[in-house]
Amino acid sequence: MPHIKTITYAGHSAVFLHSDDKTIAIDPWLEGNPTCPDNLKKPDRLDLIVLTHGHSDHASDATRLAKAYGCSIAATYELAMIMIAEGVPESSVLPMNKGGTITWEEFQITLTNAFHSSSYDTANGPVYAGEPCGVVVQDDVRSFYHAGDTCLFKDMKLIGKRYQPDIAFLPIGDRFTMDPVEAAKAAKYLRCATAIPIHHSTFPLLTGTPEEFKEACLPLDIDTITLQPGENHELASSHED
């Protein structure tokens, strides 16, 4: 069975999950992302894009990447229809919604709740892009949770109980999402084994820092990993390793 072996952080909220022969990207905002290294703006391969919502710092590069790599895009129905209208082949678009799960190449992809807003900038101006989501990716070894852009909400406890995330990618930048203290509480609600901060340090308005997040997680007995843009994190082959 295929499983994720390496995580790559591309800055902001862009995360790559790599197995031996597949790459899943969540919110791959690469072109235009001031923190994304140049070598990641044209990744070696890309097989599936999963979008949490339509804002430009999450979804604006998805159509370019889908056309360049011939990969699929999974998103809420409204955002999926926008992708088709923007020129992504209908056969490459996987519409879904919160609570729904699809099987893609033996991976389970689920959309969960999130509290934020969602629009997509088209040539004619911004359009409604469905509700914002979190994403759960499961293989035969681990469960990965990407919270997207969200505030803290108590039903994260249900996400933790249902999907038991081993690794949670949590926004910490404040102003538009949780701050580091709230993100640490989210990690506690999720009961994740490891929390990785995202959505920080991209713009001056994002004031929350990984150092503050780590400090907030320490008394809660939560392990954290801070990845720099372009940095890889290798995963053990199983929970027992």
Protein backbone atom coordinates (compact mmCIF):
# COMPACT_ATOMS: atom_id res chain seq x y z
CA MET A 1 0.00 0.00 0.00
CA PRO A 2 1.31 3.49 -0.82
CA HIS A 3 1.98 5.85 2.04
CA ILE A 4 3.36 9.32 2.59
CA LYS A 5 7.09 9.29 3.25
CA THR A 6 8.11 12.95 2.98
CA ILE A 7 6.55 16.33 3.75
CA THR A 8 7.73 19.45 1.94
CA TYR A 9 6.74 22.91 3.12
CA ALA A 10 6.64 25.49 0.32
CA GLY A 11 5.86 28.51 2.49
CA HIS A 12 2.59 30.13 3.61
CA SER A 13 0.03 27.28 3.59
CA ALA A 14 1.47 25.23 0.72
CA VAL A 15 2.28 21.66 1.72
CA PHE A 16 3.43 18.71 -0.41
CA LEU A 17 2.91 15.11 0.70
CA HIS A 18 5.14 12.66 -1.17
CA SER A 19 4.86 8.90 -1.49
CA ASP A 20 7.24 6.87 -3.64
CA ASP A 21 5.42 7.71 -6.86
CA LYS A 22 2.74 10.30 -6.05
CA THR A 23 2.72 13.88 -4.83
CA ILE A 24 -0.31 15.49 -3.22
CA ALA A 25 -0.26 19.27 -2.81
CA ILE A 26 -2.54 21.14 -0.42
CA ASP A 27 -3.08 24.83 -1.25
CA PRO A 28 -0.04 25.05 -3.55
CA TRP A 29 0.28 28.81 -3.91
CA LEU A 30 3.76 28.85 -5.47
CA GLU A 31 3.98 31.58 -8.13
CA GLY A 32 3.46 34.87 -6.34
CA ASN A 33 4.29 33.39 -2.94
CA PRO A 34 7.23 35.49 -1.69
CA THR A 35 8.38 32.73 0.65
CA CYS A 36 8.28 29.86 -1.87
CA PRO A 37 11.76 28.86 -3.10
CA ASP A 38 12.23 29.14 -6.87
CA ASN A 39 12.91 25.42 -7.27
CA LEU A 40 9.48 24.57 -5.84
CA LYS A 41 7.57 26.88 -8.17
CA LYS A 42 8.01 24.18 -10.79
CA PRO A 43 7.97 20.97 -8.71
CA ASP A 44 9.35 17.71 -10.08
CA ARG A 45 5.91 16.13 -10.13
CA LEU A 46 2.37 16.86 -9.03
CA ASP A 47 -0.49 14.37 -9.13
CA LEU A 48 -3.28 15.81 -6.97
CA ILE A 49 -4.09 19.30 -5.71
CA VAL A 50 -6.49 19.71 -2.78
CA LEU A 51 -7.82 23.20 -2.09
CA THR A 52 -9.18 24.39 1.24
CA HIS A 53 -10.81 27.54 -0.18
CA GLY A 54 -10.62 30.01 -3.03
CA HIS A 55 -8.55 32.91 -1.72
CA SER A 56 -5.65 33.87 -3.95
CA ASP A 57 -2.98 32.93 -1.41
CA HIS A 58 -4.28 29.36 -1.54
CA ALA A 59 -5.93 28.66 -4.89
CA SER A 60 -4.67 31.19 -7.46
CA ASP A 61 -1.89 28.94 -8.78
CA ALA A 62 -4.00 25.78 -9.01
CA THR A 63 -5.10 26.18 -12.63
CA ARG A 64 -1.55 26.83 -13.84
CA LEU A 65 -0.29 23.76 -12.06
CA ALA A 66 -3.17 21.52 -13.16
CA LYS A 67 -2.64 22.46 -16.81
CA ALA A 68 1.16 22.12 -16.60
CA TYR A 69 1.19 18.74 -14.83
CA GLY A 70 -2.10 17.21 -15.95
CA CYS A 71 -2.96 16.61 -12.31
CA SER A 72 -6.35 16.42 -10.64
CA ILE A 73 -7.91 19.06 -8.37
CA ALA A 74 -10.19 18.18 -5.43
CA ALA A 75 -12.25 21.04 -3.99
CA THR A 76 -15.73 22.01 -2.85
CA TYR A 77 -18.32 21.89 -5.62
CA GLU A 78 -18.39 25.66 -6.19
CA LEU A 79 -14.62 25.99 -6.32
CA ALA A 80 -14.37 22.89 -8.52
CA MET A 81 -16.76 24.49 -11.03
CA ILE A 82 -14.61 27.62 -11.01
CA MET A 83 -11.57 25.50 -11.83
CA ILE A 84 -13.41 24.09 -14.86
CA ALA A 85 -14.47 27.59 -15.92
CA GLU A 86 -10.82 28.65 -15.65
CA GLY A 87 -9.81 25.98 -18.15
CA VAL A 88 -8.98 22.88 -16.12
CA PRO A 89 -10.37 19.80 -17.93
CA GLU A 90 -13.58 18.57 -16.33
CA SER A 91 -12.14 15.06 -16.22
CA SER A 92 -9.38 16.36 -13.92
CA VAL A 93 -11.69 18.02 -11.40
CA LEU A 94 -13.00 16.15 -8.35
CA PRO A 95 -15.90 18.09 -6.76
CA MET A 96 -16.74 17.25 -3.16
CA ASN A 97 -17.87 18.91 0.05
CA LYS A 98 -17.56 18.92 3.82
CA GLY A 99 -17.94 15.50 5.41
CA GLY A 100 -17.36 13.79 2.08
CA THR A 101 -14.50 11.42 1.35
CA ILE A 102 -13.05 10.30 -1.96
CA THR A 103 -10.56 7.55 -2.66
CA TRP A 104 -7.73 8.69 -4.88
CA GLU A 105 -4.92 6.26 -5.71
CA GLU A 106 -5.64 4.38 -2.45
CA PHE A 107 -5.45 7.60 -0.40
CA GLN A 108 -8.55 8.83 1.42
CA ILE A 109 -9.24 12.54 0.97
CA THR A 110 -11.82 14.17 3.26
CA LEU A 111 -13.02 17.75 3.60
CA THR A 112 -13.84 18.94 7.12
CA ASN A 113 -15.32 22.10 8.57
CA ALA A 114 -13.42 25.38 8.89
CA PHE A 115 -14.51 28.91 9.81
CA HIS A 116 -13.28 31.58 7.40
CA SER A 117 -14.52 33.08 4.11
CA SER A 118 -13.96 32.02 0.52
CA SER A 119 -13.96 33.82 -2.83
CA TYR A 120 -11.99 33.43 -6.04
CA ASP A 121 -10.58 36.28 -8.10
CA THR A 122 -11.63 35.94 -11.74
CA ALA A 123 -11.09 38.28 -14.68
CA ASN A 124 -14.51 39.74 -13.89
CA GLY A 125 -13.85 40.19 -10.20
CA PRO A 126 -14.22 37.98 -7.11
CA VAL A 127 -16.90 35.27 -7.10
CA TYR A 128 -18.28 33.05 -4.35
CA ALA A 129 -16.15 29.91 -4.05
CA GLY A 130 -18.11 27.75 -1.64
CA GLU A 131 -17.39 27.37 2.06
CA PRO A 132 -13.85 27.08 3.44
CA CYS A 133 -12.66 23.66 4.53
CA GLY A 134 -10.00 21.71 6.28
CA VAL A 135 -8.48 18.64 4.62
CA VAL A 136 -7.69 15.17 5.92
CA VAL A 137 -5.41 12.88 3.89
CA GLN A 138 -5.15 9.28 5.06
CA ASP A 139 -2.92 6.45 3.90
CA ASP A 140 -2.39 3.01 5.41
CA VAL A 141 0.03 4.39 7.99
CA ARG A 142 -0.97 7.93 9.00
CA SER A 143 -3.60 10.62 8.97
CA PHE A 144 -2.67 14.21 7.98
CA TYR A 145 -4.88 17.19 8.81
CA HIS A 146 -4.50 20.60 7.12
CA ALA A 147 -6.76 23.12 8.83
CA GLY A 148 -6.79 25.62 5.95
CA ASP A 149 -7.60 29.14 7.13
CA THR A 150 -9.71 29.00 10.26
CA CYS A 151 -10.37 30.30 13.71
CA LEU A 152 -10.32 27.97 16.69
CA PHE A 153 -13.54 25.98 17.05
CA LYS A 154 -14.46 23.36 19.60
CA ASP A 155 -15.59 20.78 17.03
CA MET A 156 -11.92 20.25 16.24
CA LYS A 157 -12.29 17.71 19.04
CA LEU A 158 -14.61 15.74 16.74
CA ILE A 159 -12.09 15.94 13.89
CA GLY A 160 -9.45 14.62 16.25
CA LYS A 161 -11.65 11.80 17.49
CA ARG A 162 -12.85 10.78 14.03
CA TYR A 163 -9.62 11.08 12.01
CA GLN A 164 -6.94 10.83 14.71
CA PRO A 165 -4.41 13.01 12.87
CA ASP A 166 -0.80 12.09 13.38
CA ILE A 167 0.33 15.39 11.88
CA ALA A 168 -1.66 18.63 11.87
CA PHE A 169 -0.78 21.68 9.78
CA LEU A 170 -2.20 24.67 11.65
CA PRO A 171 -2.34 28.38 10.69
CA ILE A 172 -0.76 30.61 13.33
CA GLY A 173 -0.37 34.02 11.68
CA ASP A 174 -3.24 35.80 13.48
CA ARG A 175 -5.41 38.58 11.95
CA PHE A 176 -6.93 36.28 9.27
CA THR A 177 -6.66 32.98 11.19
CA MET A 178 -5.81 31.62 14.61
CA ASP A 179 -2.90 33.09 16.54
CA PRO A 180 -0.18 30.84 18.03
CA VAL A 181 -1.99 30.39 21.37
CA GLU A 182 -5.28 29.46 19.71
CA ALA A 183 -3.47 27.13 17.30
CA ALA A 184 -1.87 25.37 20.26
CA LYS A 185 -5.35 24.88 21.74
CA ALA A 186 -6.46 23.49 18.37
CA ALA A 187 -3.60 20.98 18.49
CA LYS A 188 -4.75 19.97 21.97
CA TYR A 189 -8.34 19.53 20.75
CA LEU A 190 -7.09 17.41 17.83
CA ARG A 191 -4.81 15.32 20.05
CA CYS A 192 -2.37 15.17 17.16
CA ALA A 193 1.04 13.59 17.63
CA THR A 194 2.83 16.47 15.91
CA ALA A 195 1.79 20.01 14.99
CA ILE A 196 3.42 22.00 12.17
CA PRO A 197 2.75 25.76 11.94
CA ILE A 198 1.70 27.26 8.60
CA HIS A 199 0.25 30.56 7.30
CA HIS A 200 2.87 32.72 8.97
CA SER A 201 5.81 35.01 8.11
CA THR A 202 4.61 35.67 4.55
CA PHE A 203 3.49 39.26 5.05
CA PRO A 204 3.98 41.83 7.86
CA LEU A 205 0.29 41.54 8.76
CA LEU A 206 0.86 37.92 9.84
CA THR A 207 2.41 38.54 13.23
CA GLY A 208 2.20 35.09 14.84
CA THR A 209 5.52 33.23 14.90
CA PRO A 210 6.57 29.58 15.11
CA GLU A 211 8.52 30.39 18.27
CA GLU A 212 5.35 31.62 19.97
CA PHE A 213 3.50 28.53 18.76
CA LYS A 214 6.17 26.19 20.13
CA GLU A 215 6.13 28.03 23.46
CA ALA A 216 2.33 27.76 23.66
CA CYS A 217 2.47 24.03 22.87
CA LEU A 218 5.09 23.16 25.49
CA PRO A 219 2.80 23.21 28.58
CA LEU A 220 0.19 21.27 26.58
CA ASP A 221 2.68 18.46 25.91
CA ILE A 222 2.39 18.84 22.12
CA ASP A 223 5.33 18.10 19.87
CA THR A 224 5.98 20.71 17.19
CA ILE A 225 8.10 20.81 14.06
CA THR A 226 8.91 24.11 12.40
CA LEU A 227 9.73 23.76 8.70
CA GLN A 228 11.38 26.50 6.70
CA PRO A 229 10.06 27.09 3.15
CA GLY A 230 11.66 24.46 0.95
CA GLU A 231 12.51 22.17 3.86
CA ASN A 232 11.64 18.46 3.79
CA HIS A 233 10.63 16.30 6.72
CA GLU A 234 11.18 12.56 6.39
CA LEU A 235 8.68 10.28 8.10
CA ALA A 236 9.40 6.94 9.69
CA SER A 237 8.05 4.00 7.70
CA SER A 238 5.55 3.08 10.44
CA HIS A 239 4.37 4.21 13.84
CA GLU A 240 6.63 1.65 15.47
CA ASP A 241 9.82 2.87 13.78
